[in-house]
Amino acid sequence: AERPKVDGILHPTVKPVELMRWLVRLVTPADGLVLEPFAGSGATVEAALDEGMRVVAIEKDASFVPLIASRIDRVAMRRADG
């Protein structure tokens, strides 16, 4: 369920969001900024947003951008529901 698939696109190395949330909290001060230079499937982006942090994500392969966008949308939907 954590592995996003958009228009048949999958990322080969998806990280668990809970692990990334823990790592983000570990190294980023409250209200901090997370720089993700290799965004991939967007797990770190989702984790940072879930933790209430600002995030700047960079991804060289444009085909993965829909995966990242789907994770951002998932965070937005959770916030709207709760």
N, C-alpha and C. Protein backbone atom coordinates (compact mmCIF):
# COMPACT_ATOMS: atom_id res chain seq x y z
N ALA A 1 0.82 -1.20 0.00
CA ALA A 1 0.00 0.00 0.00
C ALA A 1 0.86 1.26 0.00
N GLU A 2 2.08 1.18 0.54
CA GLU A 2 2.96 2.35 0.57
C GLU A 2 3.60 2.63 -0.77
N ARG A 3 3.69 1.63 -1.62
CA ARG A 3 4.39 1.79 -2.89
C ARG A 3 3.44 2.42 -3.91
N PRO A 4 3.64 3.71 -4.21
CA PRO A 4 2.74 4.34 -5.17
C PRO A 4 2.97 3.82 -6.59
N LYS A 5 1.89 3.74 -7.33
CA LYS A 5 1.94 3.38 -8.74
C LYS A 5 1.02 4.34 -9.47
N VAL A 6 1.59 5.10 -10.38
CA VAL A 6 0.82 6.09 -11.13
C VAL A 6 1.09 5.85 -12.61
N ASP A 7 0.03 5.61 -13.35
CA ASP A 7 0.13 5.37 -14.80
C ASP A 7 1.15 4.28 -15.12
N GLY A 8 1.18 3.25 -14.29
CA GLY A 8 2.09 2.13 -14.52
C GLY A 8 3.52 2.36 -14.08
N ILE A 9 3.81 3.52 -13.51
CA ILE A 9 5.17 3.85 -13.09
C ILE A 9 5.37 3.44 -11.64
N LEU A 10 6.44 2.71 -11.39
CA LEU A 10 6.86 2.31 -10.05
C LEU A 10 8.31 2.73 -9.85
N HIS A 11 8.69 2.99 -8.62
CA HIS A 11 10.10 3.27 -8.31
C HIS A 11 10.71 2.00 -7.74
N PRO A 12 11.95 1.66 -8.12
CA PRO A 12 12.53 0.39 -7.68
C PRO A 12 12.94 0.33 -6.22
N THR A 13 13.17 1.48 -5.58
CA THR A 13 13.67 1.45 -4.20
C THR A 13 12.84 2.36 -3.30
N VAL A 14 11.68 1.88 -2.92
CA VAL A 14 10.77 2.64 -2.07
C VAL A 14 11.14 2.42 -0.60
N LYS A 15 11.25 3.52 0.15
CA LYS A 15 11.57 3.43 1.58
C LYS A 15 10.28 3.46 2.40
N PRO A 16 10.25 2.80 3.55
CA PRO A 16 9.07 2.86 4.42
C PRO A 16 8.88 4.27 4.98
N VAL A 17 7.68 4.79 4.90
CA VAL A 17 7.40 6.16 5.35
C VAL A 17 7.67 6.31 6.84
N GLU A 18 7.31 5.31 7.64
CA GLU A 18 7.55 5.42 9.09
C GLU A 18 9.03 5.52 9.40
N LEU A 19 9.87 4.80 8.69
CA LEU A 19 11.31 4.92 8.87
C LEU A 19 11.78 6.32 8.52
N MET A 20 11.28 6.84 7.40
CA MET A 20 11.69 8.18 6.96
C MET A 20 11.17 9.24 7.93
N ARG A 21 9.99 9.04 8.50
CA ARG A 21 9.49 9.99 9.52
C ARG A 21 10.42 10.03 10.71
N TRP A 22 10.87 8.87 11.17
CA TRP A 22 11.79 8.79 12.30
C TRP A 22 13.10 9.49 11.98
N LEU A 23 13.63 9.23 10.78
CA LEU A 23 14.89 9.86 10.39
C LEU A 23 14.75 11.38 10.26
N VAL A 24 13.64 11.82 9.69
CA VAL A 24 13.40 13.26 9.55
C VAL A 24 13.36 13.92 10.93
N ARG A 25 12.64 13.32 11.86
CA ARG A 25 12.57 13.86 13.23
C ARG A 25 13.95 13.84 13.90
N LEU A 26 14.73 12.82 13.62
CA LEU A 26 16.03 12.65 14.24
C LEU A 26 17.00 13.77 13.86
N VAL A 27 16.97 14.19 12.60
CA VAL A 27 17.99 15.12 12.11
C VAL A 27 17.50 16.53 11.79
N THR A 28 16.20 16.77 11.90
CA THR A 28 15.66 18.07 11.51
C THR A 28 15.02 18.76 12.71
N PRO A 29 15.40 20.01 12.97
CA PRO A 29 14.77 20.71 14.09
C PRO A 29 13.28 20.97 13.81
N ALA A 30 12.53 21.18 14.87
CA ALA A 30 11.10 21.49 14.72
C ALA A 30 10.94 22.68 13.78
N ASP A 31 9.95 22.61 12.91
CA ASP A 31 9.69 23.64 11.91
C ASP A 31 10.88 23.81 10.96
N GLY A 32 11.65 22.72 10.79
CA GLY A 32 12.84 22.77 9.94
C GLY A 32 12.52 22.59 8.47
N LEU A 33 13.57 22.63 7.68
CA LEU A 33 13.47 22.45 6.23
C LEU A 33 14.24 21.20 5.85
N VAL A 34 13.58 20.28 5.16
CA VAL A 34 14.20 19.05 4.69
C VAL A 34 14.55 19.24 3.23
N LEU A 35 15.82 19.01 2.88
CA LEU A 35 16.26 19.03 1.50
C LEU A 35 16.42 17.59 1.04
N GLU A 36 15.65 17.21 0.04
CA GLU A 36 15.68 15.85 -0.50
C GLU A 36 16.20 15.92 -1.94
N PRO A 37 17.51 15.74 -2.14
CA PRO A 37 18.08 15.89 -3.48
C PRO A 37 17.82 14.71 -4.42
N PHE A 38 17.34 13.59 -3.89
CA PHE A 38 17.05 12.41 -4.71
C PHE A 38 15.66 11.91 -4.32
N ALA A 39 14.63 12.61 -4.75
CA ALA A 39 13.27 12.38 -4.24
C ALA A 39 12.69 11.01 -4.60
N GLY A 40 13.07 10.45 -5.72
CA GLY A 40 12.60 9.10 -6.09
C GLY A 40 11.10 8.97 -6.05
N SER A 41 10.60 8.09 -5.17
CA SER A 41 9.16 7.88 -5.08
C SER A 41 8.48 8.87 -4.15
N GLY A 42 9.26 9.68 -3.42
CA GLY A 42 8.70 10.72 -2.57
C GLY A 42 8.46 10.32 -1.13
N ALA A 43 9.03 9.20 -0.68
CA ALA A 43 8.80 8.76 0.70
C ALA A 43 9.28 9.80 1.71
N THR A 44 10.44 10.40 1.47
CA THR A 44 10.95 11.41 2.40
C THR A 44 10.09 12.66 2.35
N VAL A 45 9.61 13.00 1.18
CA VAL A 45 8.71 14.15 1.04
C VAL A 45 7.46 13.93 1.88
N GLU A 46 6.84 12.76 1.73
CA GLU A 46 5.64 12.43 2.50
C GLU A 46 5.94 12.47 3.99
N ALA A 47 7.06 11.89 4.40
CA ALA A 47 7.42 11.86 5.82
C ALA A 47 7.61 13.25 6.38
N ALA A 48 8.32 14.10 5.66
CA ALA A 48 8.57 15.47 6.13
C ALA A 48 7.26 16.24 6.26
N LEU A 49 6.39 16.11 5.27
CA LEU A 49 5.10 16.80 5.34
C LEU A 49 4.26 16.27 6.50
N ASP A 50 4.28 14.96 6.71
CA ASP A 50 3.55 14.37 7.83
C ASP A 50 4.06 14.91 9.16
N GLU A 51 5.34 15.22 9.23
CA GLU A 51 5.93 15.74 10.46
C GLU A 51 5.79 17.26 10.57
N GLY A 52 5.10 17.88 9.63
CA GLY A 52 4.86 19.32 9.68
C GLY A 52 6.06 20.16 9.29
N MET A 53 6.97 19.58 8.53
CA MET A 53 8.17 20.29 8.11
C MET A 53 8.03 20.77 6.68
N ARG A 54 8.83 21.77 6.38
CA ARG A 54 8.92 22.24 5.00
C ARG A 54 9.88 21.31 4.27
N VAL A 55 9.66 21.15 2.97
CA VAL A 55 10.52 20.23 2.21
C VAL A 55 10.76 20.78 0.81
N VAL A 56 12.02 20.65 0.37
CA VAL A 56 12.41 20.95 -1.00
C VAL A 56 12.89 19.63 -1.59
N ALA A 57 12.23 19.19 -2.66
CA ALA A 57 12.56 17.91 -3.26
C ALA A 57 13.06 18.11 -4.69
N ILE A 58 14.09 17.35 -5.03
CA ILE A 58 14.67 17.40 -6.37
C ILE A 58 14.70 15.98 -6.90
N GLU A 59 14.27 15.80 -8.15
CA GLU A 59 14.34 14.48 -8.79
C GLU A 59 14.75 14.66 -10.24
N LYS A 60 15.83 14.01 -10.60
CA LYS A 60 16.38 14.10 -11.96
C LYS A 60 15.48 13.45 -13.00
N ASP A 61 14.84 12.34 -12.65
CA ASP A 61 14.02 11.58 -13.58
C ASP A 61 12.58 12.07 -13.51
N ALA A 62 12.16 12.80 -14.51
CA ALA A 62 10.82 13.40 -14.52
C ALA A 62 9.71 12.36 -14.49
N SER A 63 9.99 11.12 -14.87
CA SER A 63 8.94 10.10 -14.87
C SER A 63 8.49 9.76 -13.44
N PHE A 64 9.30 10.10 -12.41
CA PHE A 64 8.92 9.83 -11.04
C PHE A 64 8.11 10.96 -10.40
N VAL A 65 8.00 12.09 -11.04
CA VAL A 65 7.27 13.23 -10.48
C VAL A 65 5.82 12.88 -10.15
N PRO A 66 5.10 12.12 -10.98
CA PRO A 66 3.74 11.74 -10.60
C PRO A 66 3.67 10.92 -9.31
N LEU A 67 4.68 10.12 -9.04
CA LEU A 67 4.72 9.35 -7.79
C LEU A 67 4.83 10.29 -6.59
N ILE A 68 5.72 11.28 -6.72
CA ILE A 68 5.92 12.26 -5.66
C ILE A 68 4.63 13.06 -5.45
N ALA A 69 4.02 13.48 -6.54
CA ALA A 69 2.77 14.25 -6.46
C ALA A 69 1.68 13.42 -5.78
N SER A 70 1.63 12.12 -6.05
CA SER A 70 0.60 11.28 -5.42
C SER A 70 0.80 11.20 -3.91
N ARG A 71 2.06 11.22 -3.47
CA ARG A 71 2.32 11.20 -2.02
C ARG A 71 1.92 12.54 -1.39
N ILE A 72 2.20 13.63 -2.08
CA ILE A 72 1.79 14.95 -1.57
C ILE A 72 0.27 15.01 -1.47
N ASP A 73 -0.41 14.48 -2.48
CA ASP A 73 -1.88 14.43 -2.46
C ASP A 73 -2.38 13.58 -1.31
N ARG A 74 -1.69 12.48 -1.03
CA ARG A 74 -2.08 11.59 0.07
C ARG A 74 -2.01 12.30 1.40
N VAL A 75 -0.94 13.10 1.60
CA VAL A 75 -0.81 13.89 2.83
C VAL A 75 -1.94 14.92 2.92
N ALA A 76 -2.21 15.58 1.81
CA ALA A 76 -3.27 16.59 1.78
C ALA A 76 -4.63 15.98 2.12
N MET A 77 -4.90 14.78 1.61
CA MET A 77 -6.18 14.12 1.90
C MET A 77 -6.27 13.73 3.38
N ARG A 78 -5.17 13.26 3.96
CA ARG A 78 -5.18 12.92 5.39
C ARG A 78 -5.45 14.15 6.23
N ARG A 79 -4.85 15.27 5.85
CA ARG A 79 -5.06 16.52 6.60
C ARG A 79 -6.51 16.98 6.47
N ALA A 80 -7.08 16.82 5.30
CA ALA A 80 -8.48 17.24 5.08
C ALA A 80 -9.45 16.36 5.86
N ASP A 81 -9.09 15.08 6.02
CA ASP A 81 -9.96 14.14 6.74
C ASP A 81 -9.85 14.28 8.26
N GLY A 82 -8.72 14.81 8.70
CA GLY A 82 -8.54 14.73 10.13
C GLY A 82 -8.23 15.93 10.84
